[in-house]
């Protein structure tokens, strides 16, 4: 997960992590751990983050799937 990009999007939209926490309804500690790469959101949490930040598909991929598949899979075109 690209935590720097995630933090940047949070700050760009909400100004502070605290305001983001209030908007998404999560405890500040959870978000802090997430942007410090000590907690990885599950699929449902990633979806909620994408919705509240209004992430494009490309930005979602850049944040939550920044690396290629470890087994060499390629996206179908």
C-alpha atoms as a PDB file:
ATOM      1  CA  UNK A   1       0.000   0.000   0.000  1.00  0.00           C
ATOM      2  CA  UNK A   2       1.281   3.449  -0.895  1.00  0.00           C
ATOM      3  CA  UNK A   3       0.767   5.181   2.464  1.00  0.00           C
ATOM      4  CA  UNK A   4       2.327   8.476   1.366  1.00  0.00           C
ATOM      5  CA  UNK A   5      -0.166   8.757  -1.469  1.00  0.00           C
ATOM      6  CA  UNK A   6      -3.046   7.830   0.833  1.00  0.00           C
ATOM      7  CA  UNK A   7      -2.026  10.428   3.403  1.00  0.00           C
ATOM      8  CA  UNK A   8      -1.688  13.019   0.640  1.00  0.00           C
ATOM      9  CA  UNK A   9      -5.211  12.322  -0.605  1.00  0.00           C
ATOM     10  CA  UNK A  10      -6.609  12.502   2.934  1.00  0.00           C
ATOM     11  CA  UNK A  11      -4.939  15.861   3.566  1.00  0.00           C
ATOM     12  CA  UNK A  12      -5.925  17.207   0.131  1.00  0.00           C
ATOM     13  CA  UNK A  13      -9.607  16.432   0.674  1.00  0.00           C
ATOM     14  CA  UNK A  14     -10.058  16.888   4.441  1.00  0.00           C
ATOM     15  CA  UNK A  15      -7.145  19.039   5.566  1.00  0.00           C
ATOM     16  CA  UNK A  16      -6.372  16.795   8.556  1.00  0.00           C
ATOM     17  CA  UNK A  17      -6.483  13.113   9.434  1.00  0.00           C
ATOM     18  CA  UNK A  18      -8.815  13.980  12.303  1.00  0.00           C
ATOM     19  CA  UNK A  19     -11.426  15.435   9.937  1.00  0.00           C
ATOM     20  CA  UNK A  20     -11.080  12.362   7.722  1.00  0.00           C
ATOM     21  CA  UNK A  21     -11.654  10.124  10.775  1.00  0.00           C
ATOM     22  CA  UNK A  22     -14.786  12.046  11.669  1.00  0.00           C
ATOM     23  CA  UNK A  23     -16.094  11.805   8.097  1.00  0.00           C
ATOM     24  CA  UNK A  24     -15.442   8.079   7.743  1.00  0.00           C
ATOM     25  CA  UNK A  25     -16.461   7.241  11.319  1.00  0.00           C
ATOM     26  CA  UNK A  26     -13.235   5.557  12.362  1.00  0.00           C
ATOM     27  CA  UNK A  27     -11.054   6.050  15.419  1.00  0.00           C
ATOM     28  CA  UNK A  28      -8.022   8.258  14.859  1.00  0.00           C
ATOM     29  CA  UNK A  29      -5.704   5.467  16.009  1.00  0.00           C
ATOM     30  CA  UNK A  30      -6.875   3.188  13.176  1.00  0.00           C
ATOM     31  CA  UNK A  31      -6.166   5.795  10.509  1.00  0.00           C
ATOM     32  CA  UNK A  32      -2.834   6.710  12.089  1.00  0.00           C
ATOM     33  CA  UNK A  33      -1.720   3.077  11.980  1.00  0.00           C
ATOM     34  CA  UNK A  34      -2.905   2.842   8.378  1.00  0.00           C
ATOM     35  CA  UNK A  35      -0.874   5.831   7.151  1.00  0.00           C
ATOM     36  CA  UNK A  36       2.166   4.601   9.132  1.00  0.00           C
ATOM     37  CA  UNK A  37       1.892   1.218   7.351  1.00  0.00           C
ATOM     38  CA  UNK A  38       1.194  -0.655  10.600  1.00  0.00           C
ATOM     39  CA  UNK A  39      -2.333  -1.621   9.538  1.00  0.00           C
ATOM     40  CA  UNK A  40      -3.580  -2.686   6.122  1.00  0.00           C
ATOM     41  CA  UNK A  41      -7.258  -2.092   5.415  1.00  0.00           C
ATOM     42  CA  UNK A  42      -9.371  -5.015   4.276  1.00  0.00           C
ATOM     43  CA  UNK A  43     -11.293  -4.886   0.979  1.00  0.00           C
ATOM     44  CA  UNK A  44     -14.405  -3.335   2.530  1.00  0.00           C
ATOM     45  CA  UNK A  45     -12.349  -0.663   4.299  1.00  0.00           C
ATOM     46  CA  UNK A  46     -10.421   0.128   1.111  1.00  0.00           C
ATOM     47  CA  UNK A  47     -13.738   0.509  -0.702  1.00  0.00           C
ATOM     48  CA  UNK A  48     -15.025   2.884   1.970  1.00  0.00           C
ATOM     49  CA  UNK A  49     -11.831   4.945   1.760  1.00  0.00           C
ATOM     50  CA  UNK A  50     -12.114   5.097  -2.032  1.00  0.00           C
ATOM     51  CA  UNK A  51     -15.720   6.262  -1.808  1.00  0.00           C
ATOM     52  CA  UNK A  52     -15.132   8.984   0.778  1.00  0.00           C
ATOM     53  CA  UNK A  53     -12.016  10.262  -1.010  1.00  0.00           C
ATOM     54  CA  UNK A  54     -13.719   9.906  -4.415  1.00  0.00           C
ATOM     55  CA  UNK A  55     -10.702   8.067  -5.823  1.00  0.00           C
ATOM     56  CA  UNK A  56     -10.466   7.317  -9.523  1.00  0.00           C
ATOM     57  CA  UNK A  57      -9.705   3.751 -10.540  1.00  0.00           C
ATOM     58  CA  UNK A  58      -6.123   4.716 -11.386  1.00  0.00           C
ATOM     59  CA  UNK A  59      -5.597   6.415  -8.025  1.00  0.00           C
ATOM     60  CA  UNK A  60      -7.173   3.469  -6.178  1.00  0.00           C
ATOM     61  CA  UNK A  61      -4.716   1.138  -7.900  1.00  0.00           C
ATOM     62  CA  UNK A  62      -1.796   3.479  -7.185  1.00  0.00           C
ATOM     63  CA  UNK A  63      -2.654   3.528  -3.471  1.00  0.00           C
ATOM     64  CA  UNK A  64      -3.895   0.035  -2.709  1.00  0.00           C
ATOM     65  CA  UNK A  65      -2.176  -2.051  -5.405  1.00  0.00           C
ATOM     66  CA  UNK A  66       1.148  -0.278  -6.030  1.00  0.00           C
ATOM     67  CA  UNK A  67       3.095  -3.407  -7.010  1.00  0.00           C
ATOM     68  CA  UNK A  68       2.717  -5.958  -9.753  1.00  0.00           C
ATOM     69  CA  UNK A  69       1.365  -9.366  -8.929  1.00  0.00           C
ATOM     70  CA  UNK A  70       3.960 -11.466  -7.052  1.00  0.00           C
ATOM     71  CA  UNK A  71       3.226 -14.440  -9.329  1.00  0.00           C
ATOM     72  CA  UNK A  72       3.573 -12.486 -12.579  1.00  0.00           C
ATOM     73  CA  UNK A  73      -0.116 -12.188 -13.472  1.00  0.00           C
ATOM     74  CA  UNK A  74      -0.909  -9.555 -16.053  1.00  0.00           C
ATOM     75  CA  UNK A  75      -4.143  -7.592 -16.228  1.00  0.00           C
ATOM     76  CA  UNK A  76      -6.361  -8.607 -19.135  1.00  0.00           C
ATOM     77  CA  UNK A  77      -6.838  -5.898 -21.714  1.00  0.00           C
END
